[in-house]
Full PDB file with SEQRES, HELIX, SHEET, SSBOND, CRYST1, ORIGX, SCALE, CONECT and MASTER records, all heavy atoms in Angstrom:
SEQRES   1 A   36  MET ASN ASN GLN LYS HIS GLU ASP THR ALA VAL TYR TYR          
SEQRES   2 A   36  CYS ALA ALA VAL PRO SER GLY ALA SER ALA PRO PHE VAL          
SEQRES   3 A   36  CYS ARG VAL GLN TYR THR VAL TRP GLY GLN                      
HELIX    1 AA1 HIS A    6  ASP A    8  5                                   3    
HELIX    2 AA2 PHE A   25  ARG A   28  5                                   4    
SHEET    1 AA1 2 ALA A  15  ALA A  16  0                                        
SHEET    2 AA1 2 VAL A  33  TRP A  34 -1                                        
CRYST1    1.000    1.000    1.000  90.00  90.00  90.00 P 1           1          
ORIGX1      1.000000  0.000000  0.000000        0.00000                         
ORIGX2      0.000000  1.000000  0.000000        0.00000                         
ORIGX3      0.000000  0.000000  1.000000        0.00000                         
SCALE1      1.000000  0.000000  0.000000        0.00000                         
SCALE2      0.000000  1.000000  0.000000        0.00000                         
SCALE3      0.000000  0.000000  1.000000        0.00000                         
ATOM      1  N   MET A   1     214.685 116.291 146.103  1.00  0.00           N  
ATOM      2  CA  MET A   1     215.982 116.520 146.738  1.00  0.00           C  
ATOM      3  C   MET A   1     216.384 117.969 146.512  1.00  0.00           C  
ATOM      4  O   MET A   1     216.546 118.391 145.369  1.00  0.00           O  
ATOM      5  CB  MET A   1     217.028 115.576 146.147  1.00  0.00           C  
ATOM      6  CG  MET A   1     216.624 114.107 146.169  1.00  0.00           C  
ATOM      7  SD  MET A   1     217.928 112.984 145.655  1.00  0.00           S  
ATOM      8  CE  MET A   1     218.147 113.491 143.947  1.00  0.00           C  
ATOM      9  N   ASN A   2     216.540 118.718 147.585  1.00  0.00           N  
ATOM     10  CA  ASN A   2     216.885 120.136 147.511  1.00  0.00           C  
ATOM     11  C   ASN A   2     218.270 120.384 148.083  1.00  0.00           C  
ATOM     12  O   ASN A   2     218.808 119.560 148.824  1.00  0.00           O  
ATOM     13  CB  ASN A   2     215.851 120.974 148.255  1.00  0.00           C  
ATOM     14  CG  ASN A   2     214.463 120.856 147.652  1.00  0.00           C  
ATOM     15  OD1 ASN A   2     214.302 120.690 146.436  1.00  0.00           O  
ATOM     16  ND2 ASN A   2     213.457 120.938 148.504  1.00  0.00           N  
ATOM     17  N   ASN A   3     218.830 121.527 147.715  1.00  0.00           N  
ATOM     18  CA  ASN A   3     220.125 121.958 148.254  1.00  0.00           C  
ATOM     19  C   ASN A   3     221.143 120.814 148.219  1.00  0.00           C  
ATOM     20  O   ASN A   3     221.736 120.440 149.238  1.00  0.00           O  
ATOM     21  CB  ASN A   3     219.958 122.481 149.677  1.00  0.00           C  
ATOM     22  CG  ASN A   3     221.209 123.134 150.207  1.00  0.00           C  
ATOM     23  OD1 ASN A   3     222.074 123.588 149.453  1.00  0.00           O  
ATOM     24  ND2 ASN A   3     221.331 123.197 151.527  1.00  0.00           N  
ATOM     25  N   GLN A   4     221.326 120.297 147.046  1.00  0.00           N  
ATOM     26  CA  GLN A   4     222.186 119.129 146.869  1.00  0.00           C  
ATOM     27  C   GLN A   4     223.643 119.431 147.209  1.00  0.00           C  
ATOM     28  O   GLN A   4     224.155 120.516 146.942  1.00  0.00           O  
ATOM     29  CB  GLN A   4     222.060 118.584 145.452  1.00  0.00           C  
ATOM     30  CG  GLN A   4     220.732 117.897 145.209  1.00  0.00           C  
ATOM     31  CD  GLN A   4     220.619 116.624 145.996  1.00  0.00           C  
ATOM     32  OE1 GLN A   4     221.112 115.571 145.596  1.00  0.00           O  
ATOM     33  NE2 GLN A   4     219.962 116.678 147.146  1.00  0.00           N  
ATOM     34  N   LYS A   5     224.307 118.417 147.791  1.00  0.00           N  
ATOM     35  CA  LYS A   5     225.704 118.523 148.178  1.00  0.00           C  
ATOM     36  C   LYS A   5     226.503 117.438 147.465  1.00  0.00           C  
ATOM     37  O   LYS A   5     225.958 116.437 147.004  1.00  0.00           O  
ATOM     38  CB  LYS A   5     225.836 118.356 149.687  1.00  0.00           C  
ATOM     39  CG  LYS A   5     224.988 119.331 150.491  1.00  0.00           C  
ATOM     40  CD  LYS A   5     225.092 119.059 151.984  1.00  0.00           C  
ATOM     41  CE  LYS A   5     224.238 120.032 152.781  1.00  0.00           C  
ATOM     42  NZ  LYS A   5     224.336 119.793 154.233  1.00  0.00           N  
ATOM     43  N   HIS A   6     227.806 117.644 147.415  1.00  0.00           N  
ATOM     44  CA  HIS A   6     228.661 116.646 146.757  1.00  0.00           C  
ATOM     45  C   HIS A   6     228.446 115.252 147.355  1.00  0.00           C  
ATOM     46  O   HIS A   6     228.432 114.257 146.639  1.00  0.00           O  
ATOM     47  CB  HIS A   6     230.128 117.049 146.877  1.00  0.00           C  
ATOM     48  CG  HIS A   6     230.493 118.227 146.040  1.00  0.00           C  
ATOM     49  ND1 HIS A   6     230.556 118.172 144.656  1.00  0.00           N  
ATOM     50  CD2 HIS A   6     230.824 119.494 146.382  1.00  0.00           C  
ATOM     51  CE1 HIS A   6     230.916 119.351 144.187  1.00  0.00           C  
ATOM     52  NE2 HIS A   6     231.080 120.180 145.206  1.00  0.00           N  
ATOM     53  N   GLU A   7     228.247 115.205 148.664  1.00  0.00           N  
ATOM     54  CA  GLU A   7     228.097 113.911 149.335  1.00  0.00           C  
ATOM     55  C   GLU A   7     226.762 113.229 149.034  1.00  0.00           C  
ATOM     56  O   GLU A   7     226.530 112.098 149.460  1.00  0.00           O  
ATOM     57  CB  GLU A   7     228.270 114.056 150.846  1.00  0.00           C  
ATOM     58  CG  GLU A   7     227.430 115.133 151.477  1.00  0.00           C  
ATOM     59  CD  GLU A   7     228.182 116.450 151.621  1.00  0.00           C  
ATOM     60  OE1 GLU A   7     228.939 116.822 150.689  1.00  0.00           O  
ATOM     61  OE2 GLU A   7     227.999 117.108 152.669  1.00  0.00           O  
ATOM     62  N   ASP A   8     225.884 113.898 148.320  1.00  0.00           N  
ATOM     63  CA  ASP A   8     224.630 113.263 147.891  1.00  0.00           C  
ATOM     64  C   ASP A   8     224.813 112.467 146.603  1.00  0.00           C  
ATOM     65  O   ASP A   8     223.871 111.800 146.150  1.00  0.00           O  
ATOM     66  CB  ASP A   8     223.554 114.323 147.674  1.00  0.00           C  
ATOM     67  CG  ASP A   8     223.136 115.003 148.961  1.00  0.00           C  
ATOM     68  OD1 ASP A   8     223.039 114.318 149.997  1.00  0.00           O  
ATOM     69  OD2 ASP A   8     222.901 116.234 148.928  1.00  0.00           O  
ATOM     70  N   THR A   9     225.997 112.538 146.024  1.00  0.00           N  
ATOM     71  CA  THR A   9     226.284 111.743 144.829  1.00  0.00           C  
ATOM     72  C   THR A   9     226.134 110.262 145.134  1.00  0.00           C  
ATOM     73  O   THR A   9     226.771 109.740 146.053  1.00  0.00           O  
ATOM     74  CB  THR A   9     227.712 112.017 144.326  1.00  0.00           C  
ATOM     75  OG1 THR A   9     227.799 113.370 143.860  1.00  0.00           O  
ATOM     76  CG2 THR A   9     228.087 111.074 143.190  1.00  0.00           C  
ATOM     77  N   ALA A  10     225.264 109.588 144.393  1.00  0.00           N  
ATOM     78  CA  ALA A  10     224.975 108.179 144.670  1.00  0.00           C  
ATOM     79  C   ALA A  10     224.060 107.626 143.585  1.00  0.00           C  
ATOM     80  O   ALA A  10     223.529 108.369 142.759  1.00  0.00           O  
ATOM     81  CB  ALA A  10     224.306 108.035 146.035  1.00  0.00           C  
ATOM     82  N   VAL A  11     223.887 106.323 143.624  1.00  0.00           N  
ATOM     83  CA  VAL A  11     222.806 105.674 142.883  1.00  0.00           C  
ATOM     84  C   VAL A  11     221.627 105.576 143.838  1.00  0.00           C  
ATOM     85  O   VAL A  11     221.771 105.085 144.964  1.00  0.00           O  
ATOM     86  CB  VAL A  11     223.218 104.278 142.385  1.00  0.00           C  
ATOM     87  CG1 VAL A  11     222.047 103.622 141.655  1.00  0.00           C  
ATOM     88  CG2 VAL A  11     224.433 104.381 141.456  1.00  0.00           C  
ATOM     89  N   TYR A  12     220.504 106.075 143.388  1.00  0.00           N  
ATOM     90  CA  TYR A  12     219.303 106.100 144.230  1.00  0.00           C  
ATOM     91  C   TYR A  12     218.353 104.987 143.797  1.00  0.00           C  
ATOM     92  O   TYR A  12     218.069 104.832 142.608  1.00  0.00           O  
ATOM     93  CB  TYR A  12     218.621 107.463 144.133  1.00  0.00           C  
ATOM     94  CG  TYR A  12     219.354 108.531 144.898  1.00  0.00           C  
ATOM     95  CD1 TYR A  12     220.547 109.075 144.417  1.00  0.00           C  
ATOM     96  CD2 TYR A  12     218.878 108.982 146.126  1.00  0.00           C  
ATOM     97  CE1 TYR A  12     221.238 110.044 145.132  1.00  0.00           C  
ATOM     98  CE2 TYR A  12     219.556 109.946 146.850  1.00  0.00           C  
ATOM     99  CZ  TYR A  12     220.742 110.467 146.347  1.00  0.00           C  
ATOM    100  OH  TYR A  12     221.421 111.422 147.073  1.00  0.00           O  
ATOM    101  N   TYR A  13     217.865 104.257 144.793  1.00  0.00           N  
ATOM    102  CA  TYR A  13     216.972 103.138 144.555  1.00  0.00           C  
ATOM    103  C   TYR A  13     215.662 103.343 145.303  1.00  0.00           C  
ATOM    104  O   TYR A  13     215.645 103.869 146.405  1.00  0.00           O  
ATOM    105  CB  TYR A  13     217.587 101.830 145.061  1.00  0.00           C  
ATOM    106  CG  TYR A  13     218.895 101.439 144.432  1.00  0.00           C  
ATOM    107  CD1 TYR A  13     220.101 101.891 144.971  1.00  0.00           C  
ATOM    108  CD2 TYR A  13     218.939 100.598 143.327  1.00  0.00           C  
ATOM    109  CE1 TYR A  13     221.317 101.521 144.410  1.00  0.00           C  
ATOM    110  CE2 TYR A  13     220.150 100.224 142.761  1.00  0.00           C  
ATOM    111  CZ  TYR A  13     221.330 100.690 143.310  1.00  0.00           C  
ATOM    112  OH  TYR A  13     222.532 100.313 142.755  1.00  0.00           O  
ATOM    113  N   CYS A  14     214.576 102.864 144.714  1.00  0.00           N  
ATOM    114  CA  CYS A  14     213.338 102.747 145.459  1.00  0.00           C  
ATOM    115  C   CYS A  14     213.045 101.261 145.654  1.00  0.00           C  
ATOM    116  O   CYS A  14     213.488 100.418 144.866  1.00  0.00           O  
ATOM    117  CB  CYS A  14     212.177 103.451 144.760  1.00  0.00           C  
ATOM    118  SG  CYS A  14     211.701 102.768 143.161  1.00  0.00           S  
ATOM    119  N   ALA A  15     212.307 100.969 146.695  1.00  0.00           N  
ATOM    120  CA  ALA A  15     211.944  99.603 147.009  1.00  0.00           C  
ATOM    121  C   ALA A  15     210.570  99.612 147.664  1.00  0.00           C  
ATOM    122  O   ALA A  15     210.177 100.601 148.299  1.00  0.00           O  
ATOM    123  CB  ALA A  15     212.978  98.970 147.936  1.00  0.00           C  
ATOM    124  N   ALA A  16     209.852  98.505 147.522  1.00  0.00           N  
ATOM    125  CA  ALA A  16     208.491  98.441 148.034  1.00  0.00           C  
ATOM    126  C   ALA A  16     208.261  97.152 148.799  1.00  0.00           C  
ATOM    127  O   ALA A  16     208.922  96.127 148.562  1.00  0.00           O  
ATOM    128  CB  ALA A  16     207.493  98.548 146.878  1.00  0.00           C  
ATOM    129  N   VAL A  17     207.313  97.219 149.706  1.00  0.00           N  
ATOM    130  CA  VAL A  17     206.919  96.048 150.478  1.00  0.00           C  
ATOM    131  C   VAL A  17     205.447  96.209 150.842  1.00  0.00           C  
ATOM    132  O   VAL A  17     205.021  97.301 151.215  1.00  0.00           O  
ATOM    133  CB  VAL A  17     207.796  95.889 151.745  1.00  0.00           C  
ATOM    134  CG1 VAL A  17     207.663  97.090 152.670  1.00  0.00           C  
ATOM    135  CG2 VAL A  17     207.444  94.602 152.472  1.00  0.00           C  
ATOM    136  N   PRO A  18     204.645  95.145 150.726  1.00  0.00           N  
ATOM    137  CA  PRO A  18     203.244  95.258 151.146  1.00  0.00           C  
ATOM    138  C   PRO A  18     203.185  95.340 152.663  1.00  0.00           C  
ATOM    139  O   PRO A  18     203.603  94.421 153.364  1.00  0.00           O  
ATOM    140  CB  PRO A  18     202.606  93.968 150.619  1.00  0.00           C  
ATOM    141  CG  PRO A  18     203.727  93.008 150.447  1.00  0.00           C  
ATOM    142  CD  PRO A  18     204.942  93.809 150.163  1.00  0.00           C  
ATOM    143  N   SER A  19     202.688  96.451 153.164  1.00  0.00           N  
ATOM    144  CA  SER A  19     202.692  96.657 154.602  1.00  0.00           C  
ATOM    145  C   SER A  19     201.684  97.724 154.980  1.00  0.00           C  
ATOM    146  O   SER A  19     201.554  98.727 154.291  1.00  0.00           O  
ATOM    147  CB  SER A  19     204.092  97.079 155.075  1.00  0.00           C  
ATOM    148  OG  SER A  19     204.068  97.416 156.456  1.00  0.00           O  
ATOM    149  N   GLY A  20     201.037  97.494 156.121  1.00  0.00           N  
ATOM    150  CA  GLY A  20     200.136  98.494 156.665  1.00  0.00           C  
ATOM    151  C   GLY A  20     200.756  99.315 157.773  1.00  0.00           C  
ATOM    152  O   GLY A  20     200.081 100.156 158.372  1.00  0.00           O  
ATOM    153  N   ALA A  21     202.015  99.080 158.042  1.00  0.00           N  
ATOM    154  CA  ALA A  21     202.680  99.814 159.122  1.00  0.00           C  
ATOM    155  C   ALA A  21     202.904 101.257 158.715  1.00  0.00           C  
ATOM    156  O   ALA A  21     203.048 101.586 157.544  1.00  0.00           O  
ATOM    157  CB  ALA A  21     204.015  99.154 159.465  1.00  0.00           C  
ATOM    158  N   SER A  22     202.922 102.118 159.704  1.00  0.00           N  
ATOM    159  CA  SER A  22     203.201 103.526 159.446  1.00  0.00           C  
ATOM    160  C   SER A  22     204.697 103.779 159.534  1.00  0.00           C  
ATOM    161  O   SER A  22     205.447 102.996 160.113  1.00  0.00           O  
ATOM    162  CB  SER A  22     202.459 104.399 160.447  1.00  0.00           C  
ATOM    163  OG  SER A  22     202.876 104.097 161.763  1.00  0.00           O  
ATOM    164  N   ALA A  23     205.129 104.871 158.909  1.00  0.00           N  
ATOM    165  CA  ALA A  23     206.512 105.296 159.078  1.00  0.00           C  
ATOM    166  C   ALA A  23     206.627 105.867 160.486  1.00  0.00           C  
ATOM    167  O   ALA A  23     205.689 106.503 160.939  1.00  0.00           O  
ATOM    168  CB  ALA A  23     206.873 106.335 158.032  1.00  0.00           C  
ATOM    169  N   PRO A  24     207.689 105.698 161.221  1.00  0.00           N  
ATOM    170  CA  PRO A  24     208.977 105.144 160.800  1.00  0.00           C  
ATOM    171  C   PRO A  24     209.105 103.631 160.848  1.00  0.00           C  
ATOM    172  O   PRO A  24     210.102 103.090 160.401  1.00  0.00           O  
ATOM    173  CB  PRO A  24     209.935 105.764 161.810  1.00  0.00           C  
ATOM    174  CG  PRO A  24     209.128 105.871 163.058  1.00  0.00           C  
ATOM    175  CD  PRO A  24     207.744 106.227 162.595  1.00  0.00           C  
ATOM    176  N   PHE A  25     208.094 102.932 161.396  1.00  0.00           N  
ATOM    177  CA  PHE A  25     208.250 101.490 161.555  1.00  0.00           C  
ATOM    178  C   PHE A  25     208.503 100.791 160.227  1.00  0.00           C  
ATOM    179  O   PHE A  25     209.323  99.879 160.143  1.00  0.00           O  
ATOM    180  CB  PHE A  25     207.017 100.913 162.241  1.00  0.00           C  
ATOM    181  CG  PHE A  25     206.731 101.551 163.560  1.00  0.00           C  
ATOM    182  CD1 PHE A  25     205.706 102.471 163.689  1.00  0.00           C  
ATOM    183  CD2 PHE A  25     207.499 101.246 164.683  1.00  0.00           C  
ATOM    184  CE1 PHE A  25     205.449 103.091 164.900  1.00  0.00           C  
ATOM    185  CE2 PHE A  25     207.246 101.850 165.906  1.00  0.00           C  
ATOM    186  CZ  PHE A  25     206.219 102.778 166.011  1.00  0.00           C  
ATOM    187  N   VAL A  26     207.785 101.229 159.195  1.00  0.00           N  
ATOM    188  CA  VAL A  26     207.912 100.543 157.910  1.00  0.00           C  
ATOM    189  C   VAL A  26     209.266 100.822 157.263  1.00  0.00           C  
ATOM    190  O   VAL A  26     209.660 100.124 156.335  1.00  0.00           O  
ATOM    191  CB  VAL A  26     206.747 100.947 156.978  1.00  0.00           C  
ATOM    192  CG1 VAL A  26     206.955 102.325 156.376  1.00  0.00           C  
ATOM    193  CG2 VAL A  26     206.514  99.878 155.927  1.00  0.00           C  
ATOM    194  N   CYS A  27     209.987 101.798 157.727  1.00  0.00           N  
ATOM    195  CA  CYS A  27     211.332 102.032 157.208  1.00  0.00           C  
ATOM    196  C   CYS A  27     212.280 100.890 157.567  1.00  0.00           C  
ATOM    197  O   CYS A  27     213.285 100.690 156.892  1.00  0.00           O  
ATOM    198  CB  CYS A  27     211.906 103.340 157.747  1.00  0.00           C  
ATOM    199  SG  CYS A  27     211.326 104.823 156.902  1.00  0.00           S  
ATOM    200  N   ARG A  28     211.959 100.162 158.614  1.00  0.00           N  
ATOM    201  CA  ARG A  28     212.885  99.161 159.137  1.00  0.00           C  
ATOM    202  C   ARG A  28     212.617  97.762 158.589  1.00  0.00           C  
ATOM    203  O   ARG A  28     213.354  96.833 158.911  1.00  0.00           O  
ATOM    204  CB  ARG A  28     212.796  99.124 160.661  1.00  0.00           C  
ATOM    205  CG  ARG A  28     213.092 100.474 161.313  1.00  0.00           C  
ATOM    206  CD  ARG A  28     214.557 100.824 161.261  1.00  0.00           C  
ATOM    207  NE  ARG A  28     214.845 102.068 161.972  1.00  0.00           N  
ATOM    208  CZ  ARG A  28     215.044 103.230 161.376  1.00  0.00           C  
ATOM    209  NH1 ARG A  28     214.961 103.309 160.065  1.00  0.00           N  
ATOM    210  NH2 ARG A  28     215.311 104.310 162.087  1.00  0.00           N  
ATOM    211  N   VAL A  29     211.546  97.569 157.810  1.00  0.00           N  
ATOM    212  CA  VAL A  29     211.211  96.229 157.346  1.00  0.00           C  
ATOM    213  C   VAL A  29     212.109  95.829 156.174  1.00  0.00           C  
ATOM    214  O   VAL A  29     212.862  96.644 155.639  1.00  0.00           O  
ATOM    215  CB  VAL A  29     209.726  96.147 156.924  1.00  0.00           C  
ATOM    216  CG1 VAL A  29     208.826  96.551 158.076  1.00  0.00           C  
ATOM    217  CG2 VAL A  29     209.466  96.999 155.690  1.00  0.00           C  
ATOM    218  N   GLN A  30     212.000  94.551 155.812  1.00  0.00           N  
ATOM    219  CA  GLN A  30     212.743  94.029 154.671  1.00  0.00           C  
ATOM    220  C   GLN A  30     211.931  94.315 153.405  1.00  0.00           C  
ATOM    221  O   GLN A  30     210.836  93.812 153.239  1.00  0.00           O  
ATOM    222  CB  GLN A  30     212.949  92.523 154.834  1.00  0.00           C  
ATOM    223  CG  GLN A  30     213.890  91.907 153.822  1.00  0.00           C  
ATOM    224  CD  GLN A  30     215.349  92.142 154.168  1.00  0.00           C  
ATOM    225  OE1 GLN A  30     215.684  92.515 155.278  1.00  0.00           O  
ATOM    226  NE2 GLN A  30     216.223  91.912 153.208  1.00  0.00           N  
ATOM    227  N   TYR A  31     212.479  95.100 152.516  1.00  0.00           N  
ATOM    228  CA  TYR A  31     211.804  95.428 151.278  1.00  0.00           C  
ATOM    229  C   TYR A  31     211.977  94.306 150.267  1.00  0.00           C  
ATOM    230  O   TYR A  31     213.065  93.731 150.152  1.00  0.00           O  
ATOM    231  CB  TYR A  31     212.310  96.766 150.730  1.00  0.00           C  
ATOM    232  CG  TYR A  31     211.759  97.930 151.514  1.00  0.00           C  
ATOM    233  CD1 TYR A  31     212.314  98.313 152.728  1.00  0.00           C  
ATOM    234  CD2 TYR A  31     210.646  98.624 151.054  1.00  0.00           C  
ATOM    235  CE1 TYR A  31     211.773  99.359 153.460  1.00  0.00           C  
ATOM    236  CE2 TYR A  31     210.099  99.666 151.773  1.00  0.00           C  
ATOM    237  CZ  TYR A  31     210.670 100.029 152.980  1.00  0.00           C  
ATOM    238  OH  TYR A  31     210.121 101.057 153.703  1.00  0.00           O  
ATOM    239  N   THR A  32     210.917  94.001 149.547  1.00  0.00           N  
ATOM    240  CA  THR A  32     210.906  92.807 148.713  1.00  0.00           C  
ATOM    241  C   THR A  32     211.006  93.072 147.214  1.00  0.00           C  
ATOM    242  O   THR A  32     211.352  92.176 146.451  1.00  0.00           O  
ATOM    243  CB  THR A  32     209.622  92.005 148.973  1.00  0.00           C  
ATOM    244  OG1 THR A  32     208.488  92.854 148.760  1.00  0.00           O  
ATOM    245  CG2 THR A  32     209.591  91.493 150.414  1.00  0.00           C  
ATOM    246  N   VAL A  33     210.695  94.278 146.791  1.00  0.00           N  
ATOM    247  CA  VAL A  33     210.749  94.611 145.368  1.00  0.00           C  
ATOM    248  C   VAL A  33     211.647  95.825 145.208  1.00  0.00           C  
ATOM    249  O   VAL A  33     211.442  96.833 145.890  1.00  0.00           O  
ATOM    250  CB  VAL A  33     209.350  94.914 144.798  1.00  0.00           C  
ATOM    251  CG1 VAL A  33     209.445  95.208 143.293  1.00  0.00           C  
ATOM    252  CG2 VAL A  33     208.402  93.759 145.073  1.00  0.00           C  
ATOM    253  N   TRP A  34     212.610  95.740 144.320  1.00  0.00           N  
ATOM    254  CA  TRP A  34     213.588  96.815 144.137  1.00  0.00           C  
ATOM    255  C   TRP A  34     213.631  97.275 142.681  1.00  0.00           C  
ATOM    256  O   TRP A  34     213.465  96.477 141.755  1.00  0.00           O  
ATOM    257  CB  TRP A  34     214.986  96.336 144.545  1.00  0.00           C  
ATOM    258  CG  TRP A  34     215.131  96.147 146.010  1.00  0.00           C  
ATOM    259  CD1 TRP A  34     214.720  95.092 146.759  1.00  0.00           C  
ATOM    260  CD2 TRP A  34     215.731  97.080 146.923  1.00  0.00           C  
ATOM    261  NE1 TRP A  34     215.020  95.294 148.085  1.00  0.00           N  
ATOM    262  CE2 TRP A  34     215.651  96.501 148.222  1.00  0.00           C  
ATOM    263  CE3 TRP A  34     216.335  98.331 146.792  1.00  0.00           C  
ATOM    264  CZ2 TRP A  34     216.132  97.147 149.357  1.00  0.00           C  
ATOM    265  CZ3 TRP A  34     216.819  98.960 147.921  1.00  0.00           C  
ATOM    266  CH2 TRP A  34     216.721  98.371 149.182  1.00  0.00           C  
ATOM    267  N   GLY A  35     213.877  98.550 142.518  1.00  0.00           N  
ATOM    268  CA  GLY A  35     214.139  99.075 141.190  1.00  0.00           C  
ATOM    269  C   GLY A  35     215.608  98.924 140.842  1.00  0.00           C  
ATOM    270  O   GLY A  35     216.405  98.443 141.651  1.00  0.00           O  
ATOM    271  N   GLN A  36     215.956  99.353 139.643  1.00  0.00           N  
ATOM    272  CA  GLN A  36     217.321  99.162 139.149  1.00  0.00           C  
ATOM    273  C   GLN A  36     218.241 100.324 139.525  1.00  0.00           C  
ATOM    274  O   GLN A  36     219.459 100.222 139.371  1.00  0.00           O  
ATOM    275  CB  GLN A  36     217.313  98.991 137.625  1.00  0.00           C  
ATOM    276  CG  GLN A  36     217.282 100.284 136.813  1.00  0.00           C  
ATOM    277  CD  GLN A  36     215.977 101.039 136.919  1.00  0.00           C  
ATOM    278  OE1 GLN A  36     214.974 100.493 137.367  1.00  0.00           O  
ATOM    279  NE2 GLN A  36     215.988 102.293 136.482  1.00  0.00           N  
TER     280      GLN A  36                                                      
MASTER        0    0    0    2    2    0    0    6  279    1    0    3          
END                                                                             
């Protein structure tokens, strides 16, 4: 994350899903595993 702005203040999460789809399609799927 570069050139951070006040509006970037947030809790950031990663999530994963087993998928062979390429981005951007895989961005739209339901993610099944989430971090804290």
